[in-house]
Amino acid sequence: MANGNLNSQVILTLPAAGQYRVLVTTY
């Protein structure tokens, strides 16, 4: 997310209607 913060964040304005796959994984 930021320097010193290993958590992840995606802020996304969806470009199209439909189903998005969200994969939770590791570095």
PDB file of all heavy atoms in Angstrom:
ATOM      1  N   MET A   1       0.829  -1.204   0.000  1.00  0.00           N
ATOM      2  CA  MET A   1       0.000   0.000   0.000  1.00  0.00           C
ATOM      3  C   MET A   1       0.865   1.257   0.000  1.00  0.00           C
ATOM      4  O   MET A   1       0.536   2.238  -0.657  1.00  0.00           O
ATOM      5  CB  MET A   1      -0.929   0.034   1.212  1.00  0.00           C
ATOM      6  CG  MET A   1      -2.043  -0.987   1.148  1.00  0.00           C
ATOM      7  SD  MET A   1      -3.036  -1.042   2.659  1.00  0.00           S
ATOM      8  CE  MET A   1      -3.895   0.506   2.588  1.00  0.00           C
ATOM      9  N   ALA A   2       1.947   1.235   0.771  1.00  0.00           N
ATOM     10  CA  ALA A   2       2.834   2.397   0.898  1.00  0.00           C
ATOM     11  C   ALA A   2       4.149   1.925   1.502  1.00  0.00           C
ATOM     12  O   ALA A   2       4.247   0.799   1.996  1.00  0.00           O
ATOM     13  CB  ALA A   2       2.189   3.450   1.796  1.00  0.00           C
ATOM     14  N   ASN A   3       5.155   2.801   1.479  1.00  0.00           N
ATOM     15  CA  ASN A   3       6.424   2.460   2.127  1.00  0.00           C
ATOM     16  C   ASN A   3       6.157   2.094   3.574  1.00  0.00           C
ATOM     17  O   ASN A   3       5.458   2.813   4.283  1.00  0.00           O
ATOM     18  CB  ASN A   3       7.398   3.637   2.061  1.00  0.00           C
ATOM     19  CG  ASN A   3       8.181   3.661   0.780  1.00  0.00           C
ATOM     20  OD1 ASN A   3       8.276   2.653   0.095  1.00  0.00           O
ATOM     21  ND2 ASN A   3       8.748   4.808   0.451  1.00  0.00           N
ATOM     22  N   GLY A   4       6.669   0.969   4.027  1.00  0.00           N
ATOM     23  CA  GLY A   4       6.506   0.537   5.395  1.00  0.00           C
ATOM     24  C   GLY A   4       5.189  -0.175   5.684  1.00  0.00           C
ATOM     25  O   GLY A   4       4.972  -0.638   6.787  1.00  0.00           O
ATOM     26  N   ASN A   5       4.294  -0.257   4.701  1.00  0.00           N
ATOM     27  CA  ASN A   5       3.013  -0.950   4.882  1.00  0.00           C
ATOM     28  C   ASN A   5       2.942  -2.064   3.848  1.00  0.00           C
ATOM     29  O   ASN A   5       2.726  -1.814   2.666  1.00  0.00           O
ATOM     30  CB  ASN A   5       1.842   0.014   4.709  1.00  0.00           C
ATOM     31  CG  ASN A   5       0.500  -0.633   5.000  1.00  0.00           C
ATOM     32  OD1 ASN A   5       0.362  -1.858   5.016  1.00  0.00           O
ATOM     33  ND2 ASN A   5      -0.504   0.189   5.214  1.00  0.00           N
ATOM     34  N   LEU A   6       3.114  -3.305   4.295  1.00  0.00           N
ATOM     35  CA  LEU A   6       3.159  -4.432   3.366  1.00  0.00           C
ATOM     36  C   LEU A   6       1.783  -4.889   2.896  1.00  0.00           C
ATOM     37  O   LEU A   6       1.687  -5.718   1.989  1.00  0.00           O
ATOM     38  CB  LEU A   6       3.890  -5.613   4.017  1.00  0.00           C
ATOM     39  CG  LEU A   6       5.353  -5.374   4.387  1.00  0.00           C
ATOM     40  CD1 LEU A   6       5.957  -6.638   4.996  1.00  0.00           C
ATOM     41  CD2 LEU A   6       6.161  -4.902   3.194  1.00  0.00           C
ATOM     42  N   ASN A   7       0.693  -4.386   3.505  1.00  0.00           N
ATOM     43  CA  ASN A   7      -0.643  -4.770   3.059  1.00  0.00           C
ATOM     44  C   ASN A   7      -0.879  -4.253   1.648  1.00  0.00           C
ATOM     45  O   ASN A   7      -0.186  -3.355   1.173  1.00  0.00           O
ATOM     46  CB  ASN A   7      -1.697  -4.248   4.038  1.00  0.00           C
ATOM     47  CG  ASN A   7      -1.593  -4.933   5.379  1.00  0.00           C
ATOM     48  OD1 ASN A   7      -1.509  -6.156   5.453  1.00  0.00           O
ATOM     49  ND2 ASN A   7      -1.569  -4.156   6.452  1.00  0.00           N
ATOM     50  N   SER A   8      -1.836  -4.851   0.955  1.00  0.00           N
ATOM     51  CA  SER A   8      -2.091  -4.520  -0.450  1.00  0.00           C
ATOM     52  C   SER A   8      -3.432  -3.824  -0.612  1.00  0.00           C
ATOM     53  O   SER A   8      -4.391  -4.150   0.094  1.00  0.00           O
ATOM     54  CB  SER A   8      -2.100  -5.796  -1.301  1.00  0.00           C
ATOM     55  OG  SER A   8      -0.852  -6.440  -1.223  1.00  0.00           O
ATOM     56  N   GLN A   9      -3.495  -2.907  -1.580  1.00  0.00           N
ATOM     57  CA  GLN A   9      -4.757  -2.231  -1.868  1.00  0.00           C
ATOM     58  C   GLN A   9      -4.815  -1.868  -3.350  1.00  0.00           C
ATOM     59  O   GLN A   9      -3.841  -1.376  -3.909  1.00  0.00           O
ATOM     60  CB  GLN A   9      -4.895  -0.972  -1.030  1.00  0.00           C
ATOM     61  CG  GLN A   9      -6.244  -0.281  -1.189  1.00  0.00           C
ATOM     62  CD  GLN A   9      -6.388   0.878  -0.230  1.00  0.00           C
ATOM     63  OE1 GLN A   9      -5.702   1.874  -0.384  1.00  0.00           O
ATOM     64  NE2 GLN A   9      -7.252   0.717   0.761  1.00  0.00           N
ATOM     65  N   VAL A  10      -5.987  -2.138  -3.954  1.00  0.00           N
ATOM     66  CA  VAL A  10      -6.250  -1.728  -5.329  1.00  0.00           C
ATOM     67  C   VAL A  10      -7.490  -0.850  -5.309  1.00  0.00           C
ATOM     68  O   VAL A  10      -8.528  -1.260  -4.794  1.00  0.00           O
ATOM     69  CB  VAL A  10      -6.479  -2.953  -6.257  1.00  0.00           C
ATOM     70  CG1 VAL A  10      -6.991  -2.515  -7.618  1.00  0.00           C
ATOM     71  CG2 VAL A  10      -5.205  -3.771  -6.399  1.00  0.00           C
ATOM     72  N   ILE A  11      -7.350   0.369  -5.818  1.00  0.00           N
ATOM     73  CA  ILE A  11      -8.493   1.259  -6.016  1.00  0.00           C
ATOM     74  C   ILE A  11      -8.689   1.322  -7.522  1.00  0.00           C
ATOM     75  O   ILE A  11      -7.800   1.747  -8.257  1.00  0.00           O
ATOM     76  CB  ILE A  11      -8.238   2.657  -5.431  1.00  0.00           C
ATOM     77  CG1 ILE A  11      -7.949   2.540  -3.936  1.00  0.00           C
ATOM     78  CG2 ILE A  11      -9.446   3.570  -5.691  1.00  0.00           C
ATOM     79  CD1 ILE A  11      -7.470   3.822  -3.287  1.00  0.00           C
ATOM     80  N   LEU A  12      -9.849   0.869  -7.972  1.00  0.00           N
ATOM     81  CA  LEU A  12     -10.058   0.670  -9.400  1.00  0.00           C
ATOM     82  C   LEU A  12     -11.421   1.190  -9.826  1.00  0.00           C
ATOM     83  O   LEU A  12     -12.435   0.839  -9.227  1.00  0.00           O
ATOM     84  CB  LEU A  12      -9.961  -0.840  -9.695  1.00  0.00           C
ATOM     85  CG  LEU A  12     -10.111  -1.320 -11.121  1.00  0.00           C
ATOM     86  CD1 LEU A  12      -8.988  -0.781 -12.003  1.00  0.00           C
ATOM     87  CD2 LEU A  12     -10.101  -2.842 -11.159  1.00  0.00           C
ATOM     88  N   THR A  13     -11.421   2.041 -10.835  1.00  0.00           N
ATOM     89  CA  THR A  13     -12.676   2.400 -11.492  1.00  0.00           C
ATOM     90  C   THR A  13     -12.844   1.380 -12.605  1.00  0.00           C
ATOM     91  O   THR A  13     -12.027   1.323 -13.535  1.00  0.00           O
ATOM     92  CB  THR A  13     -12.632   3.837 -12.037  1.00  0.00           C
ATOM     93  OG1 THR A  13     -12.420   4.725 -10.928  1.00  0.00           O
ATOM     94  CG2 THR A  13     -13.938   4.200 -12.735  1.00  0.00           C
ATOM     95  N   LEU A  14     -13.868   0.554 -12.478  1.00  0.00           N
ATOM     96  CA  LEU A  14     -14.027  -0.576 -13.395  1.00  0.00           C
ATOM     97  C   LEU A  14     -14.246  -0.074 -14.826  1.00  0.00           C
ATOM     98  O   LEU A  14     -15.145   0.732 -15.076  1.00  0.00           O
ATOM     99  CB  LEU A  14     -15.187  -1.459 -12.949  1.00  0.00           C
ATOM    100  CG  LEU A  14     -15.095  -1.991 -11.516  1.00  0.00           C
ATOM    101  CD1 LEU A  14     -16.300  -2.876 -11.194  1.00  0.00           C
ATOM    102  CD2 LEU A  14     -13.801  -2.745 -11.281  1.00  0.00           C
ATOM    103  N   PRO A  15     -13.432  -0.553 -15.769  1.00  0.00           N
ATOM    104  CA  PRO A  15     -13.532  -0.093 -17.149  1.00  0.00           C
ATOM    105  C   PRO A  15     -14.698  -0.707 -17.923  1.00  0.00           C
ATOM    106  O   PRO A  15     -15.090  -0.182 -18.959  1.00  0.00           O
ATOM    107  CB  PRO A  15     -12.192  -0.497 -17.772  1.00  0.00           C
ATOM    108  CG  PRO A  15     -11.737  -1.659 -16.935  1.00  0.00           C
ATOM    109  CD  PRO A  15     -12.271  -1.422 -15.556  1.00  0.00           C
ATOM    110  N   ALA A  16     -15.230  -1.818 -17.430  1.00  0.00           N
ATOM    111  CA  ALA A  16     -16.301  -2.511 -18.159  1.00  0.00           C
ATOM    112  C   ALA A  16     -17.176  -3.269 -17.171  1.00  0.00           C
ATOM    113  O   ALA A  16     -16.730  -3.625 -16.080  1.00  0.00           O
ATOM    114  CB  ALA A  16     -15.703  -3.503 -19.165  1.00  0.00           C
ATOM    115  N   ALA A  17     -18.403  -3.518 -17.572  1.00  0.00           N
ATOM    116  CA  ALA A  17     -19.292  -4.369 -16.772  1.00  0.00           C
ATOM    117  C   ALA A  17     -18.843  -5.817 -16.926  1.00  0.00           C
ATOM    118  O   ALA A  17     -18.310  -6.201 -17.970  1.00  0.00           O
ATOM    119  CB  ALA A  17     -20.735  -4.212 -17.233  1.00  0.00           C
ATOM    120  N   GLY A  18     -19.040  -6.608 -15.900  1.00  0.00           N
ATOM    121  CA  GLY A  18     -18.714  -8.022 -16.002  1.00  0.00           C
ATOM    122  C   GLY A  18     -18.150  -8.557 -14.715  1.00  0.00           C
ATOM    123  O   GLY A  18     -18.152  -7.897 -13.680  1.00  0.00           O
ATOM    124  N   GLN A  19     -17.655  -9.789 -14.800  1.00  0.00           N
ATOM    125  CA  GLN A  19     -17.095 -10.463 -13.637  1.00  0.00           C
ATOM    126  C   GLN A  19     -15.590 -10.269 -13.585  1.00  0.00           C
ATOM    127  O   GLN A  19     -14.889 -10.537 -14.556  1.00  0.00           O
ATOM    128  CB  GLN A  19     -17.419 -11.955 -13.673  1.00  0.00           C
ATOM    129  CG  GLN A  19     -16.923 -12.678 -12.431  1.00  0.00           C
ATOM    130  CD  GLN A  19     -17.470 -14.075 -12.330  1.00  0.00           C
ATOM    131  OE1 GLN A  19     -18.635 -14.253 -12.042  1.00  0.00           O
ATOM    132  NE2 GLN A  19     -16.624 -15.054 -12.597  1.00  0.00           N
ATOM    133  N   TYR A  20     -15.111  -9.810 -12.445  1.00  0.00           N
ATOM    134  CA  TYR A  20     -13.695  -9.618 -12.193  1.00  0.00           C
ATOM    135  C   TYR A  20     -13.233 -10.710 -11.246  1.00  0.00           C
ATOM    136  O   TYR A  20     -13.948 -11.053 -10.306  1.00  0.00           O
ATOM    137  CB  TYR A  20     -13.442  -8.236 -11.568  1.00  0.00           C
ATOM    138  CG  TYR A  20     -13.677  -7.104 -12.535  1.00  0.00           C
ATOM    139  CD1 TYR A  20     -14.967  -6.723 -12.892  1.00  0.00           C
ATOM    140  CD2 TYR A  20     -12.612  -6.428 -13.112  1.00  0.00           C
ATOM    141  CE1 TYR A  20     -15.188  -5.696 -13.798  1.00  0.00           C
ATOM    142  CE2 TYR A  20     -12.821  -5.388 -14.018  1.00  0.00           C
ATOM    143  CZ  TYR A  20     -14.107  -5.036 -14.349  1.00  0.00           C
ATOM    144  OH  TYR A  20     -14.318  -4.024 -15.249  1.00  0.00           O
ATOM    145  N   ARG A  21     -12.057 -11.273 -11.480  1.00  0.00           N
ATOM    146  CA  ARG A  21     -11.456 -12.261 -10.588  1.00  0.00           C
ATOM    147  C   ARG A  21     -10.529 -11.520  -9.638  1.00  0.00           C
ATOM    148  O   ARG A  21      -9.687 -10.734 -10.073  1.00  0.00           O
ATOM    149  CB  ARG A  21     -10.667 -13.290 -11.388  1.00  0.00           C
ATOM    150  CG  ARG A  21     -11.533 -14.132 -12.307  1.00  0.00           C
ATOM    151  CD  ARG A  21     -10.711 -15.026 -13.239  1.00  0.00           C
ATOM    152  NE  ARG A  21      -9.776 -15.870 -12.513  1.00  0.00           N
ATOM    153  CZ  ARG A  21      -8.583 -16.234 -12.996  1.00  0.00           C
ATOM    154  NH1 ARG A  21      -8.177 -15.822 -14.168  1.00  0.00           N
ATOM    155  NH2 ARG A  21      -7.801 -17.015 -12.281  1.00  0.00           N
ATOM    156  N   VAL A  22     -10.678 -11.756  -8.355  1.00  0.00           N
ATOM    157  CA  VAL A  22      -9.835 -11.130  -7.339  1.00  0.00           C
ATOM    158  C   VAL A  22      -9.008 -12.243  -6.705  1.00  0.00           C
ATOM    159  O   VAL A  22      -9.561 -13.137  -6.052  1.00  0.00           O
ATOM    160  CB  VAL A  22     -10.689 -10.404  -6.276  1.00  0.00           C
ATOM    161  CG1 VAL A  22      -9.796  -9.791  -5.204  1.00  0.00           C
ATOM    162  CG2 VAL A  22     -11.577  -9.344  -6.937  1.00  0.00           C
ATOM    163  N   LEU A  23      -7.698 -12.205  -6.922  1.00  0.00           N
ATOM    164  CA  LEU A  23      -6.816 -13.241  -6.394  1.00  0.00           C
ATOM    165  C   LEU A  23      -6.071 -12.701  -5.183  1.00  0.00           C
ATOM    166  O   LEU A  23      -5.374 -11.698  -5.266  1.00  0.00           O
ATOM    167  CB  LEU A  23      -5.809 -13.704  -7.452  1.00  0.00           C
ATOM    168  CG  LEU A  23      -6.376 -14.258  -8.749  1.00  0.00           C
ATOM    169  CD1 LEU A  23      -5.253 -14.752  -9.654  1.00  0.00           C
ATOM    170  CD2 LEU A  23      -7.377 -15.358  -8.493  1.00  0.00           C
ATOM    171  N   VAL A  24      -6.258 -13.367  -4.060  1.00  0.00           N
ATOM    172  CA  VAL A  24      -5.537 -13.094  -2.826  1.00  0.00           C
ATOM    173  C   VAL A  24      -4.346 -14.032  -2.837  1.00  0.00           C
ATOM    174  O   VAL A  24      -4.506 -15.253  -2.893  1.00  0.00           O
ATOM    175  CB  VAL A  24      -6.453 -13.379  -1.612  1.00  0.00           C
ATOM    176  CG1 VAL A  24      -5.650 -13.399  -0.330  1.00  0.00           C
ATOM    177  CG2 VAL A  24      -7.586 -12.365  -1.558  1.00  0.00           C
ATOM    178  N   THR A  25      -3.139 -13.459  -2.804  1.00  0.00           N
ATOM    179  CA  THR A  25      -1.948 -14.288  -2.873  1.00  0.00           C
ATOM    180  C   THR A  25      -0.836 -13.662  -2.037  1.00  0.00           C
ATOM    181  O   THR A  25      -1.097 -12.752  -1.238  1.00  0.00           O
ATOM    182  CB  THR A  25      -1.538 -14.542  -4.341  1.00  0.00           C
ATOM    183  OG1 THR A  25      -0.492 -15.512  -4.391  1.00  0.00           O
ATOM    184  CG2 THR A  25      -1.128 -13.281  -5.067  1.00  0.00           C
ATOM    185  N   THR A  26       0.363 -14.157  -2.201  1.00  0.00           N
ATOM    186  CA  THR A  26       1.507 -13.709  -1.417  1.00  0.00           C
ATOM    187  C   THR A  26       2.594 -13.174  -2.327  1.00  0.00           C
ATOM    188  O   THR A  26       2.661 -13.507  -3.510  1.00  0.00           O
ATOM    189  CB  THR A  26       2.081 -14.875  -0.589  1.00  0.00           C
ATOM    190  OG1 THR A  26       2.565 -15.883  -1.480  1.00  0.00           O
ATOM    191  CG2 THR A  26       1.040 -15.470   0.328  1.00  0.00           C
ATOM    192  N   TYR A  27       3.476 -12.373  -1.754  1.00  0.00           N
ATOM    193  CA  TYR A  27       4.610 -11.848  -2.509  1.00  0.00           C
ATOM    194  C   TYR A  27       5.616 -12.948  -2.820  1.00  0.00           C
ATOM    195  O   TYR A  27       6.233 -12.968  -3.876  1.00  0.00           O
ATOM    196  CB  TYR A  27       5.270 -10.724  -1.711  1.00  0.00           C
ATOM    197  CG  TYR A  27       6.460 -10.117  -2.390  1.00  0.00           C
ATOM    198  CD1 TYR A  27       6.309  -9.174  -3.391  1.00  0.00           C
ATOM    199  CD2 TYR A  27       7.751 -10.497  -2.030  1.00  0.00           C
ATOM    200  CE1 TYR A  27       7.411  -8.614  -4.022  1.00  0.00           C
ATOM    201  CE2 TYR A  27       8.854  -9.940  -2.654  1.00  0.00           C
ATOM    202  CZ  TYR A  27       8.675  -9.001  -3.650  1.00  0.00           C
ATOM    203  OH  TYR A  27       9.760  -8.451  -4.283  1.00  0.00           O
TER     204      TYR A  27
END
